[in-house]
C-alpha atoms as a PDB file:
ATOM      1  CA  MET A   1      -6.860 -29.369   5.038  1.00  0.00           C
ATOM      2  CA  ILE A   2      -6.872 -25.532   5.403  1.00  0.00           C
ATOM      3  CA  ILE A   3      -6.048 -23.077   2.925  1.00  0.00           C
ATOM      4  CA  ASP A   4      -5.786 -19.087   3.516  1.00  0.00           C
ATOM      5  CA  ILE A   5      -6.432 -17.535   0.080  1.00  0.00           C
ATOM      6  CA  HIS A   6      -5.324 -14.138   0.730  1.00  0.00           C
ATOM      7  CA  THR A   7      -1.751 -13.527   1.989  1.00  0.00           C
ATOM      8  CA  HIS A   8       1.135 -10.841   1.253  1.00  0.00           C
ATOM      9  CA  VAL A   9       4.773 -10.564   1.735  1.00  0.00           C
ATOM     10  CA  THR A  10       5.113  -7.073   2.031  1.00  0.00           C
ATOM     11  CA  ASP A  11       5.540  -3.835   4.473  1.00  0.00           C
ATOM     12  CA  LEU A  12       2.166  -1.948   4.384  1.00  0.00           C
ATOM     13  CA  SER A  13       2.967   0.091   7.332  1.00  0.00           C
ATOM     14  CA  HIS A  14       3.454   3.977   6.732  1.00  0.00           C
ATOM     15  CA  THR A  15       7.018   4.611   7.894  1.00  0.00           C
ATOM     16  CA  GLY A  16       8.014   1.254   8.781  1.00  0.00           C
ATOM     17  CA  GLU A  17       6.747   1.150  12.502  1.00  0.00           C
ATOM     18  CA  ARG A  18       4.960  -2.376  12.035  1.00  0.00           C
ATOM     19  CA  THR A  19       6.652  -5.786  11.444  1.00  0.00           C
ATOM     20  CA  PRO A  20       6.836  -6.556   7.600  1.00  0.00           C
ATOM     21  CA  VAL A  21       5.125 -10.027   6.616  1.00  0.00           C
ATOM     22  CA  THR A  22       7.941 -12.059   5.335  1.00  0.00           C
ATOM     23  CA  PHE A  23       8.135 -15.529   3.974  1.00  0.00           C
ATOM     24  CA  GLU A  24       9.616 -16.422   7.062  1.00  0.00           C
ATOM     25  CA  ASN A  25       7.023 -15.198   9.745  1.00  0.00           C
ATOM     26  CA  LEU A  26       4.049 -16.096   7.047  1.00  0.00           C
ATOM     27  CA  ILE A  27       5.393 -19.739   7.303  1.00  0.00           C
ATOM     28  CA  ALA A  28       5.697 -19.230  11.099  1.00  0.00           C
ATOM     29  CA  ARG A  29       2.033 -18.037  11.194  1.00  0.00           C
ATOM     30  CA  LEU A  30       0.669 -20.870   9.105  1.00  0.00           C
ATOM     31  CA  ASP A  31       1.983 -23.203  11.247  1.00  0.00           C
ATOM     32  CA  ASP A  32       0.306 -21.347  14.716  1.00  0.00           C
ATOM     33  CA  GLU A  33      -2.682 -20.949  13.155  1.00  0.00           C
ATOM     34  CA  GLY A  34      -3.057 -24.532  12.046  1.00  0.00           C
ATOM     35  CA  ILE A  35      -3.042 -23.420   8.193  1.00  0.00           C
ATOM     36  CA  ASP A  36      -1.624 -25.877   6.026  1.00  0.00           C
ATOM     37  CA  GLN A  37      -1.516 -23.749   2.709  1.00  0.00           C
ATOM     38  CA  ALA A  38      -1.532 -19.860   1.666  1.00  0.00           C
ATOM     39  CA  VAL A  39      -2.205 -18.322  -1.483  1.00  0.00           C
ATOM     40  CA  LEU A  40       0.664 -15.608  -1.799  1.00  0.00           C
ATOM     41  CA  LEU A  41      -0.844 -12.117  -3.714  1.00  0.00           C
ATOM     42  CA  PRO A  42       1.864 -10.002  -4.812  1.00  0.00           C
ATOM     43  CA  ILE A  43       1.203  -6.393  -4.855  1.00  0.00           C
ATOM     44  CA  VAL A  44       1.519  -4.147  -8.110  1.00  0.00           C
ATOM     45  CA  SER A  45      -0.659  -1.248  -8.169  1.00  0.00           C
ATOM     46  CA  PRO A  46       0.835   1.995  -7.386  1.00  0.00           C
ATOM     47  CA  GLU A  47      -2.194   2.654  -5.201  1.00  0.00           C
ATOM     48  CA  THR A  48      -1.917   0.134  -2.867  1.00  0.00           C
ATOM     49  CA  HIS A  49       1.976   0.598  -1.987  1.00  0.00           C
ATOM     50  CA  LYS A  50       3.212   2.106   0.542  1.00  0.00           C
ATOM     51  CA  PHE A  51       6.687   3.670   0.462  1.00  0.00           C
ATOM     52  CA  PRO A  52       8.394   0.701   2.718  1.00  0.00           C
ATOM     53  CA  SER A  53       7.037  -1.590   0.513  1.00  0.00           C
ATOM     54  CA  LEU A  54       9.330  -0.947  -2.258  1.00  0.00           C
ATOM     55  CA  PHE A  55      12.404  -1.764   0.111  1.00  0.00           C
ATOM     56  CA  VAL A  56      11.443  -5.443   1.042  1.00  0.00           C
ATOM     57  CA  PRO A  57      13.769  -8.331  -0.349  1.00  0.00           C
ATOM     58  CA  GLN A  58      11.110  -9.381  -2.592  1.00  0.00           C
ATOM     59  CA  PRO A  59       8.861  -6.389  -3.763  1.00  0.00           C
ATOM     60  CA  ASP A  60       7.678  -7.646  -7.124  1.00  0.00           C
ATOM     61  CA  PRO A  61       5.643 -10.475  -8.555  1.00  0.00           C
ATOM     62  CA  VAL A  62       8.453 -12.455  -9.848  1.00  0.00           C
ATOM     63  CA  SER A  63      10.737 -12.131  -7.167  1.00  0.00           C
ATOM     64  CA  GLN A  64       7.751 -13.468  -5.007  1.00  0.00           C
ATOM     65  CA  LEU A  65       7.288 -16.554  -7.563  1.00  0.00           C
ATOM     66  CA  ARG A  66      10.781 -17.291  -7.136  1.00  0.00           C
ATOM     67  CA  GLU A  67      10.927 -17.350  -3.711  1.00  0.00           C
ATOM     68  CA  ALA A  68       7.731 -19.078  -3.154  1.00  0.00           C
ATOM     69  CA  ALA A  69       9.418 -21.724  -5.023  1.00  0.00           C
ATOM     70  CA  ARG A  70      11.522 -22.467  -1.954  1.00  0.00           C
ATOM     71  CA  TYR A  71       8.077 -23.636  -0.109  1.00  0.00           C
ATOM     72  CA  PRO A  72       5.936 -25.857  -2.641  1.00  0.00           C
ATOM     73  CA  GLU A  73       4.106 -27.443   0.342  1.00  0.00           C
ATOM     74  CA  ARG A  74       3.096 -24.483   1.887  1.00  0.00           C
ATOM     75  CA  ILE A  75       2.603 -21.390  -0.680  1.00  0.00           C
ATOM     76  CA  ILE A  76       0.477 -21.383  -3.710  1.00  0.00           C
ATOM     77  CA  PRO A  77       1.812 -18.364  -5.496  1.00  0.00           C
ATOM     78  CA  PHE A  78      -0.501 -15.947  -7.557  1.00  0.00           C
ATOM     79  CA  GLY A  79       1.374 -13.766 -10.558  1.00  0.00           C
ATOM     80  CA  ASN A  80       0.187  -9.869 -10.641  1.00  0.00           C
ATOM     81  CA  VAL A  81      -0.168  -7.160 -13.107  1.00  0.00           C
ATOM     82  CA  ASP A  82      -1.851  -4.149 -13.144  1.00  0.00           C
ATOM     83  CA  PRO A  83      -4.371  -3.711 -16.178  1.00  0.00           C
ATOM     84  CA  ARG A  84      -2.323  -0.168 -17.331  1.00  0.00           C
ATOM     85  CA  THR A  85       0.741  -2.188 -17.754  1.00  0.00           C
ATOM     86  CA  GLY A  86       2.494  -2.304 -21.014  1.00  0.00           C
ATOM     87  CA  GLY A  87       0.780   0.520 -22.882  1.00  0.00           C
ATOM     88  CA  ASN A  88      -2.077   1.531 -20.579  1.00  0.00           C
ATOM     89  CA  SER A  89      -4.856   0.501 -23.166  1.00  0.00           C
ATOM     90  CA  ALA A  90      -7.338  -1.919 -23.771  1.00  0.00           C
ATOM     91  CA  LYS A  91      -5.671  -3.716 -26.574  1.00  0.00           C
ATOM     92  CA  VAL A  92      -2.485  -5.104 -24.207  1.00  0.00           C
ATOM     93  CA  ASP A  93      -1.495  -8.432 -25.057  1.00  0.00           C
ATOM     94  CA  PHE A  94      -0.698 -10.040 -21.582  1.00  0.00           C
ATOM     95  CA  SER A  95      -0.718 -13.295 -22.612  1.00  0.00           C
ATOM     96  CA  TRP A  96       3.234 -13.489 -23.032  1.00  0.00           C
ATOM     97  CA  ILE A  97       3.504 -12.416 -19.259  1.00  0.00           C
ATOM     98  CA  LEU A  98       0.611 -14.833 -18.329  1.00  0.00           C
ATOM     99  CA  GLU A  99       2.478 -17.769 -19.775  1.00  0.00           C
ATOM    100  CA  ARG A 100       5.997 -16.856 -18.037  1.00  0.00           C
ATOM    101  CA  PHE A 101       3.913 -16.474 -14.472  1.00  0.00           C
ATOM    102  CA  VAL A 102       2.376 -20.020 -15.224  1.00  0.00           C
ATOM    103  CA  GLU A 103       5.926 -21.251 -16.280  1.00  0.00           C
ATOM    104  CA  MET A 104       7.047 -20.244 -12.833  1.00  0.00           C
ATOM    105  CA  GLY A 105       4.022 -21.919 -10.903  1.00  0.00           C
ATOM    106  CA  ALA A 106       1.427 -19.285 -10.749  1.00  0.00           C
ATOM    107  CA  ARG A 107      -2.113 -20.242  -9.996  1.00  0.00           C
ATOM    108  CA  GLY A 108      -4.163 -17.235 -10.632  1.00  0.00           C
ATOM    109  CA  LEU A 109      -3.929 -13.332 -10.631  1.00  0.00           C
ATOM    110  CA  GLY A 110      -4.080 -11.017  -8.179  1.00  0.00           C
ATOM    111  CA  GLU A 111      -5.002  -8.935  -5.813  1.00  0.00           C
ATOM    112  CA  VAL A 112      -6.144  -6.798  -8.387  1.00  0.00           C
ATOM    113  CA  THR A 113      -6.064  -3.603  -6.547  1.00  0.00           C
ATOM    114  CA  ALA A 114      -6.019  -0.736  -9.636  1.00  0.00           C
ATOM    115  CA  ASN A 115      -8.048   2.246  -8.986  1.00  0.00           C
ATOM    116  CA  LEU A 116      -9.937   1.775 -12.128  1.00  0.00           C
ATOM    117  CA  LEU A 117     -13.891   1.199 -12.643  1.00  0.00           C
ATOM    118  CA  SER A 118     -14.309  -2.334 -12.432  1.00  0.00           C
ATOM    119  CA  ASP A 119     -15.965  -2.413 -15.884  1.00  0.00           C
ATOM    120  CA  ASP A 120     -13.041  -0.519 -17.177  1.00  0.00           C
ATOM    121  CA  PRO A 121     -11.899  -1.733 -20.873  1.00  0.00           C
ATOM    122  CA  ARG A 122      -8.545  -2.104 -19.684  1.00  0.00           C
ATOM    123  CA  VAL A 123      -9.836  -4.422 -16.922  1.00  0.00           C
ATOM    124  CA  VAL A 124     -11.983  -6.485 -18.925  1.00  0.00           C
ATOM    125  CA  ASN A 125      -9.132  -6.974 -21.295  1.00  0.00           C
ATOM    126  CA  LEU A 126      -6.580  -8.389 -18.455  1.00  0.00           C
ATOM    127  CA  PHE A 127      -9.473 -10.389 -17.256  1.00  0.00           C
ATOM    128  CA  ARG A 128     -10.242 -11.882 -20.818  1.00  0.00           C
ATOM    129  CA  HIS A 129      -6.683 -12.947 -20.892  1.00  0.00           C
ATOM    130  CA  CYS A 130      -7.155 -14.490 -17.567  1.00  0.00           C
ATOM    131  CA  GLY A 131      -9.744 -16.595 -18.716  1.00  0.00           C
ATOM    132  CA  ARG A 132      -7.868 -17.788 -21.739  1.00  0.00           C
ATOM    133  CA  TRP A 133      -5.240 -19.360 -19.425  1.00  0.00           C
ATOM    134  CA  GLN A 134      -7.797 -20.415 -16.767  1.00  0.00           C
ATOM    135  CA  LEU A 135      -6.323 -18.330 -14.205  1.00  0.00           C
ATOM    136  CA  PRO A 136      -8.592 -17.125 -11.477  1.00  0.00           C
ATOM    137  CA  VAL A 137      -8.693 -13.321 -10.517  1.00  0.00           C
ATOM    138  CA  LEU A 138      -9.063 -12.320  -6.945  1.00  0.00           C
ATOM    139  CA  ILE A 139     -10.101  -8.486  -6.843  1.00  0.00           C
ATOM    140  CA  HIS A 140     -10.119  -5.637  -4.373  1.00  0.00           C
ATOM    141  CA  GLY A 141     -13.472  -3.883  -4.694  1.00  0.00           C
ATOM    142  CA  THR A 142     -13.998  -0.258  -3.444  1.00  0.00           C
ATOM    143  CA  GLY A 143     -16.316   2.816  -4.063  1.00  0.00           C
ATOM    144  CA  PRO A 144     -15.486   6.066  -5.264  1.00  0.00           C
ATOM    145  CA  GLY A 145     -13.327   8.493  -3.656  1.00  0.00           C
ATOM    146  CA  GLU A 146      -9.831  10.247  -3.780  1.00  0.00           C
ATOM    147  CA  GLY A 147      -6.966   7.924  -1.773  1.00  0.00           C
ATOM    148  CA  LEU A 148      -8.606   4.734  -2.146  1.00  0.00           C
ATOM    149  CA  TYR A 149      -7.435   1.370  -4.012  1.00  0.00           C
ATOM    150  CA  GLY A 150      -9.399  -1.248  -5.754  1.00  0.00           C
ATOM    151  CA  LEU A 151     -11.827  -1.533  -8.577  1.00  0.00           C
ATOM    152  CA  ILE A 152     -14.395   1.300  -8.376  1.00  0.00           C
ATOM    153  CA  ASP A 153     -17.952   0.879  -8.204  1.00  0.00           C
ATOM    154  CA  ASP A 154     -21.455   2.617  -7.415  1.00  0.00           C
ATOM    155  CA  VAL A 155     -23.735   1.247  -4.868  1.00  0.00           C
ATOM    156  CA  GLY A 156     -25.661  -1.793  -6.362  1.00  0.00           C
ATOM    157  CA  SER A 157     -22.597  -3.139  -8.078  1.00  0.00           C
ATOM    158  CA  PRO A 158     -23.515  -2.342 -11.454  1.00  0.00           C
ATOM    159  CA  ARG A 159     -20.035  -1.831 -13.033  1.00  0.00           C
ATOM    160  CA  LEU A 160     -19.001  -5.336 -11.303  1.00  0.00           C
ATOM    161  CA  ALA A 161     -22.080  -7.164 -13.090  1.00  0.00           C
ATOM    162  CA  ARG A 162     -21.142  -5.838 -16.192  1.00  0.00           C
ATOM    163  CA  LEU A 163     -17.156  -6.774 -15.525  1.00  0.00           C
ATOM    164  CA  LEU A 164     -18.858 -10.555 -14.987  1.00  0.00           C
ATOM    165  CA  ASP A 165     -21.045 -10.514 -17.881  1.00  0.00           C
ATOM    166  CA  GLN A 166     -18.151 -10.018 -20.425  1.00  0.00           C
ATOM    167  CA  VAL A 167     -15.686 -12.471 -18.795  1.00  0.00           C
ATOM    168  CA  PRO A 168     -17.974 -15.452 -18.341  1.00  0.00           C
ATOM    169  CA  GLU A 169     -14.847 -17.648 -18.833  1.00  0.00           C
ATOM    170  CA  THR A 170     -13.009 -16.004 -15.710  1.00  0.00           C
ATOM    171  CA  LEU A 171     -13.405 -17.029 -12.442  1.00  0.00           C
ATOM    172  CA  VAL A 172     -13.547 -13.971  -9.884  1.00  0.00           C
ATOM    173  CA  ILE A 173     -13.088 -14.040  -6.400  1.00  0.00           C
ATOM    174  CA  GLY A 174     -14.161 -10.872  -4.893  1.00  0.00           C
ATOM    175  CA  HIS A 175     -12.757  -9.193  -1.809  1.00  0.00           C
ATOM    176  CA  GLY A 176     -12.785  -6.029  -0.187  1.00  0.00           C
ATOM    177  CA  PRO A 177     -15.053  -3.040   1.509  1.00  0.00           C
ATOM    178  CA  GLY A 178     -16.507  -2.178  -1.795  1.00  0.00           C
ATOM    179  CA  PHE A 179     -17.499  -5.939  -2.454  1.00  0.00           C
ATOM    180  CA  TRP A 180     -18.795  -6.829   1.061  1.00  0.00           C
ATOM    181  CA  SER A 181     -20.688  -3.972   1.990  1.00  0.00           C
ATOM    182  CA  GLU A 182     -23.323  -4.690  -0.630  1.00  0.00           C
ATOM    183  CA  ILE A 183     -24.600  -7.281   1.577  1.00  0.00           C
ATOM    184  CA  SER A 184     -26.994  -5.362   2.641  1.00  0.00           C
ATOM    185  CA  ALA A 185     -29.991  -2.896   0.602  1.00  0.00           C
ATOM    186  CA  ASP A 186     -29.691   0.066   3.104  1.00  0.00           C
ATOM    187  CA  LEU A 187     -25.893   0.850   1.662  1.00  0.00           C
ATOM    188  CA  ARG A 188     -25.193   4.647   1.033  1.00  0.00           C
ATOM    189  CA  LEU A 189     -22.783   5.537  -1.343  1.00  0.00           C
ATOM    190  CA  GLU A 190     -20.469   7.260   1.697  1.00  0.00           C
ATOM    191  CA  ASN A 191     -20.308   3.808   3.220  1.00  0.00           C
ATOM    192  CA  LYS A 192     -19.356   1.880  -0.082  1.00  0.00           C
ATOM    193  CA  SER A 193     -15.641   1.985   0.918  1.00  0.00           C
ATOM    194  CA  GLY A 194     -16.303   1.325   4.781  1.00  0.00           C
ATOM    195  CA  TYR A 195     -17.808  -0.996   7.377  1.00  0.00           C
ATOM    196  CA  PRO A 196     -21.192  -0.695   7.498  1.00  0.00           C
ATOM    197  CA  LYS A 197     -22.603  -1.941  11.091  1.00  0.00           C
ATOM    198  CA  GLY A 198     -26.182  -2.946  12.283  1.00  0.00           C
ATOM    199  CA  PRO A 199     -28.676  -5.607  10.755  1.00  0.00           C
ATOM    200  CA  VAL A 200     -29.400  -6.721   7.543  1.00  0.00           C
ATOM    201  CA  VAL A 201     -32.752  -5.550   6.694  1.00  0.00           C
ATOM    202  CA  GLU A 202     -33.086  -6.429   3.397  1.00  0.00           C
ATOM    203  CA  GLU A 203     -30.537  -8.262   1.492  1.00  0.00           C
ATOM    204  CA  GLY A 204     -28.028  -6.084  -0.923  1.00  0.00           C
ATOM    205  CA  SER A 205     -26.950  -6.622  -4.327  1.00  0.00           C
ATOM    206  CA  LEU A 206     -24.242  -9.309  -3.179  1.00  0.00           C
ATOM    207  CA  GLN A 207     -26.479 -12.220  -2.706  1.00  0.00           C
ATOM    208  CA  GLY A 208     -27.779 -11.512  -6.208  1.00  0.00           C
ATOM    209  CA  LEU A 209     -24.437 -11.298  -7.732  1.00  0.00           C
ATOM    210  CA  LEU A 210     -23.293 -14.708  -6.346  1.00  0.00           C
ATOM    211  CA  ARG A 211     -26.564 -16.307  -7.159  1.00  0.00           C
ATOM    212  CA  THR A 212     -26.457 -15.201 -10.783  1.00  0.00           C
ATOM    213  CA  TYR A 213     -22.707 -15.595 -11.614  1.00  0.00           C
ATOM    214  CA  PRO A 214     -21.324 -19.259 -11.358  1.00  0.00           C
ATOM    215  CA  HIS A 215     -17.675 -17.651 -12.044  1.00  0.00           C
ATOM    216  CA  LEU A 216     -17.894 -15.412  -8.805  1.00  0.00           C
ATOM    217  CA  TYR A 217     -16.691 -16.503  -5.180  1.00  0.00           C
ATOM    218  CA  ALA A 218     -16.116 -14.483  -2.446  1.00  0.00           C
ATOM    219  CA  ASP A 219     -13.032 -14.285  -0.406  1.00  0.00           C
ATOM    220  CA  ILE A 220     -13.940 -13.575   3.487  1.00  0.00           C
ATOM    221  CA  SER A 221     -10.880 -11.864   4.215  1.00  0.00           C
ATOM    222  CA  ALA A 222      -9.864  -8.683   6.161  1.00  0.00           C
ATOM    223  CA  GLY A 223     -12.107  -6.609   8.089  1.00  0.00           C
ATOM    224  CA  SER A 224     -14.581  -6.201   5.318  1.00  0.00           C
ATOM    225  CA  GLY A 225     -15.386  -9.658   4.888  1.00  0.00           C
ATOM    226  CA  HIS A 226     -15.359 -10.345   8.643  1.00  0.00           C
ATOM    227  CA  ASN A 227     -17.582  -7.498   9.491  1.00  0.00           C
ATOM    228  CA  ALA A 228     -20.181  -8.386   6.845  1.00  0.00           C
ATOM    229  CA  LEU A 229     -20.577 -11.756   8.279  1.00  0.00           C
ATOM    230  CA  THR A 230     -20.541 -10.557  11.865  1.00  0.00           C
ATOM    231  CA  ARG A 231     -22.672  -7.064  11.707  1.00  0.00           C
ATOM    232  CA  ASP A 232     -25.754  -9.108  11.957  1.00  0.00           C
ATOM    233  CA  PRO A 233     -24.737 -12.494  13.843  1.00  0.00           C
ATOM    234  CA  ALA A 234     -28.158 -14.416  12.812  1.00  0.00           C
ATOM    235  CA  TYR A 235     -28.352 -13.158   9.411  1.00  0.00           C
ATOM    236  CA  GLY A 236     -24.539 -13.899   8.764  1.00  0.00           C
ATOM    237  CA  ILE A 237     -25.258 -17.747   9.746  1.00  0.00           C
ATOM    238  CA  ARG A 238     -28.125 -17.851   7.228  1.00  0.00           C
ATOM    239  CA  PHE A 239     -25.707 -16.429   4.554  1.00  0.00           C
ATOM    240  CA  ILE A 240     -22.836 -18.815   5.318  1.00  0.00           C
ATOM    241  CA  HIS A 241     -25.471 -21.787   4.809  1.00  0.00           C
ATOM    242  CA  GLU A 242     -26.828 -20.174   1.394  1.00  0.00           C
ATOM    243  CA  PHE A 243     -23.515 -19.603  -0.438  1.00  0.00           C
ATOM    244  CA  GLN A 244     -21.560 -22.044   1.285  1.00  0.00           C
ATOM    245  CA  ASP A 245     -20.273 -23.595  -2.305  1.00  0.00           C
ATOM    246  CA  LYS A 246     -18.885 -19.578  -3.111  1.00  0.00           C
ATOM    247  CA  LEU A 247     -17.411 -18.796  -0.048  1.00  0.00           C
ATOM    248  CA  ILE A 248     -13.369 -18.835   0.679  1.00  0.00           C
ATOM    249  CA  LEU A 249     -11.227 -18.325   3.670  1.00  0.00           C
ATOM    250  CA  GLY A 250      -8.779 -15.462   3.300  1.00  0.00           C
ATOM    251  CA  THR A 251      -7.282 -13.589   5.995  1.00  0.00           C
ATOM    252  CA  ASP A 252      -5.484 -10.538   4.742  1.00  0.00           C
ATOM    253  CA  VAL A 253      -2.674 -10.645   7.160  1.00  0.00           C
ATOM    254  CA  CYS A 254      -0.579  -7.547   6.520  1.00  0.00           C
ATOM    255  CA  PHE A 255       1.967  -7.239   9.191  1.00  0.00           C
ATOM    256  CA  GLY A 256       4.063  -9.854  10.812  1.00  0.00           C
ATOM    257  CA  ASP A 257       3.463  -8.903  14.404  1.00  0.00           C
ATOM    258  CA  PRO A 258       0.652 -10.667  16.635  1.00  0.00           C
ATOM    259  CA  ALA A 259      -1.391  -7.559  16.620  1.00  0.00           C
ATOM    260  CA  GLY A 260      -1.680  -8.090  12.698  1.00  0.00           C
ATOM    261  CA  ARG A 261      -3.306 -11.698  12.979  1.00  0.00           C
ATOM    262  CA  MET A 262      -6.803 -11.923  11.737  1.00  0.00           C
ATOM    263  CA  PRO A 263      -9.952 -13.733  13.422  1.00  0.00           C
ATOM    264  CA  HIS A 264     -11.521 -15.294  10.128  1.00  0.00           C
ATOM    265  CA  LEU A 265     -10.289 -19.266  11.278  1.00  0.00           C
ATOM    266  CA  GLY A 266     -11.284 -18.680  14.947  1.00  0.00           C
ATOM    267  CA  PHE A 267     -14.767 -17.583  13.874  1.00  0.00           C
ATOM    268  CA  LEU A 268     -15.236 -20.392  11.661  1.00  0.00           C
ATOM    269  CA  ARG A 269     -13.955 -22.762  14.213  1.00  0.00           C
ATOM    270  CA  ARG A 270     -16.459 -21.043  16.838  1.00  0.00           C
ATOM    271  CA  LEU A 271     -19.272 -21.830  14.678  1.00  0.00           C
ATOM    272  CA  LEU A 272     -18.338 -25.196  13.899  1.00  0.00           C
ATOM    273  CA  THR A 273     -17.838 -25.745  17.727  1.00  0.00           C
ATOM    274  CA  GLU A 274     -21.174 -24.217  18.354  1.00  0.00           C
ATOM    275  CA  GLY A 275     -22.906 -26.294  16.207  1.00  0.00           C
ATOM    276  CA  GLN A 276     -23.997 -23.427  13.717  1.00  0.00           C
ATOM    277  CA  ILE A 277     -22.305 -24.606  10.798  1.00  0.00           C
ATOM    278  CA  THR A 278     -21.595 -28.269   9.952  1.00  0.00           C
ATOM    279  CA  GLN A 279     -18.275 -30.129   9.419  1.00  0.00           C
ATOM    280  CA  GLU A 280     -18.923 -29.959   5.735  1.00  0.00           C
ATOM    281  CA  ILE A 281     -19.598 -26.400   5.550  1.00  0.00           C
ATOM    282  CA  PHE A 282     -16.347 -25.662   7.187  1.00  0.00           C
ATOM    283  CA  ASP A 283     -14.565 -27.745   4.897  1.00  0.00           C
ATOM    284  CA  LYS A 284     -15.985 -26.138   1.807  1.00  0.00           C
ATOM    285  CA  ILE A 285     -15.027 -22.784   3.072  1.00  0.00           C
ATOM    286  CA  THR A 286     -11.394 -23.591   4.581  1.00  0.00           C
ATOM    287  CA  SER A 287     -10.393 -25.609   1.796  1.00  0.00           C
ATOM    288  CA  GLY A 288     -12.761 -27.350  -0.556  1.00  0.00           C
ATOM    289  CA  ASN A 289     -13.935 -24.207  -2.708  1.00  0.00           C
ATOM    290  CA  ALA A 290     -10.287 -23.070  -2.747  1.00  0.00           C
ATOM    291  CA  LEU A 291      -9.359 -26.547  -4.227  1.00  0.00           C
ATOM    292  CA  ARG A 292     -11.926 -26.436  -6.708  1.00  0.00           C
ATOM    293  CA  VAL A 293     -10.853 -22.844  -8.175  1.00  0.00           C
ATOM    294  CA  LEU A 294      -7.223 -23.532  -7.955  1.00  0.00           C
ATOM    295  CA  ARG A 295      -7.691 -27.124  -9.501  1.00  0.00           C
ATOM    296  CA  SER A 296      -9.574 -25.743 -12.343  1.00  0.00           C
ATOM    297  CA  ALA A 297      -7.006 -23.267 -12.709  1.00  0.00           C
ATOM    298  CA  ALA A 298      -3.945 -25.996 -12.678  1.00  0.00           C
ATOM    299  CA  ALA A 299      -6.610 -28.109 -15.341  1.00  0.00           C
ATOM    300  CA  GLY A 300      -6.756 -24.641 -17.457  1.00  0.00           C
ATOM    301  CA  ASN A 301      -3.054 -23.852 -17.329  1.00  0.00           C
ATOM    302  CA  ASP A 302      -2.173 -27.008 -18.777  1.00  0.00           C
ATOM    303  CA  SER A 303      -4.608 -26.985 -21.576  1.00  0.00           C
ATOM    304  CA  ALA A 304      -3.550 -23.230 -22.329  1.00  0.00           C
ATOM    305  CA  GLY A 305       0.334 -24.240 -22.102  1.00  0.00           C
ATOM    306  CA  ARG A 306      -0.329 -26.619 -25.094  1.00  0.00           C
ATOM    307  CA  GLU A 307      -2.798 -24.453 -27.086  1.00  0.00           C
ATOM    308  CA  GLY A 308      -1.741 -20.950 -25.915  1.00  0.00           C
ATOM    309  CA  ARG A 309       1.476 -20.562 -27.661  1.00  0.00           C
ATOM    310  CA  GLY A 310       1.951 -17.341 -29.466  1.00  0.00           C
ATOM    311  CA  LEU A 311      -1.465 -16.326 -28.651  1.00  0.00           C
ATOM    312  CA  ARG A 312      -1.345 -12.572 -29.477  1.00  0.00           C
ATOM    313  CA  SER A 313      -4.939 -11.246 -28.565  1.00  0.00           C
ATOM    314  CA  VAL A 314      -8.004 -12.231 -26.509  1.00  0.00           C
ATOM    315  CA  GLN A 315     -11.321 -10.735 -28.182  1.00  0.00           C
END
């Protein structure tokens, strides 16, 4: 089995010049690439929306959850909500909306792309609620800067560490330039939101986070994940071997045309064919780790559903 933990149904072009991702061409791509199932991540934060995405047939999480129910064997739906929703306060009660998401089949939350500090109390509040329902949260990380989207952090990811310290019950799946650029210790602030090149001369903060926090996983999708694993090929293989129980295959395909395809599965298949990773490692990254996260969510949803009716706050 192969699972893609990072897909979208949207139109992220600037003026509609690219082919949008629809449910139909998403399924067609999965078939073509030999992917069995895909996690669908709705987009909600205003920083992430391009204007064309407001006019796709299912522009919001509820519509996507409803449509995903037509493909129960292929699509694993996530819900999503911006941490600023419901009053822009760290005291907002998200329990009722998470309960509704779970009832509609959601297995997690994300991708969280709000342009807030990673340890902002509003972010902590939302993640604590997700932990109560044992919903894994997939995040997009970035550095500081105007016009960016994603949870903001400084070099060394101190804010992500503080977030993880405060939500030990919540499975967090990291993704994005601000997350993956931290693979090397020579990272400079101006490259935190980009795709740094060159050898990994000394390991960065990412490795320490993955070793320290059992509830942190890493989504290898998009240019950020692929760049981190290939910028120093020899080190990338060592990284994959060490963190084989934490890495999860994702693509983050944002366009429905062939040019929008991503190389991640082909990269892993090549490593397997060349004998640089074993079948066991390949299986963990392409399905086993995702299944462990999603099964934990399913068990937690059942428990929260029995115990969480009427839940009004998470302290």
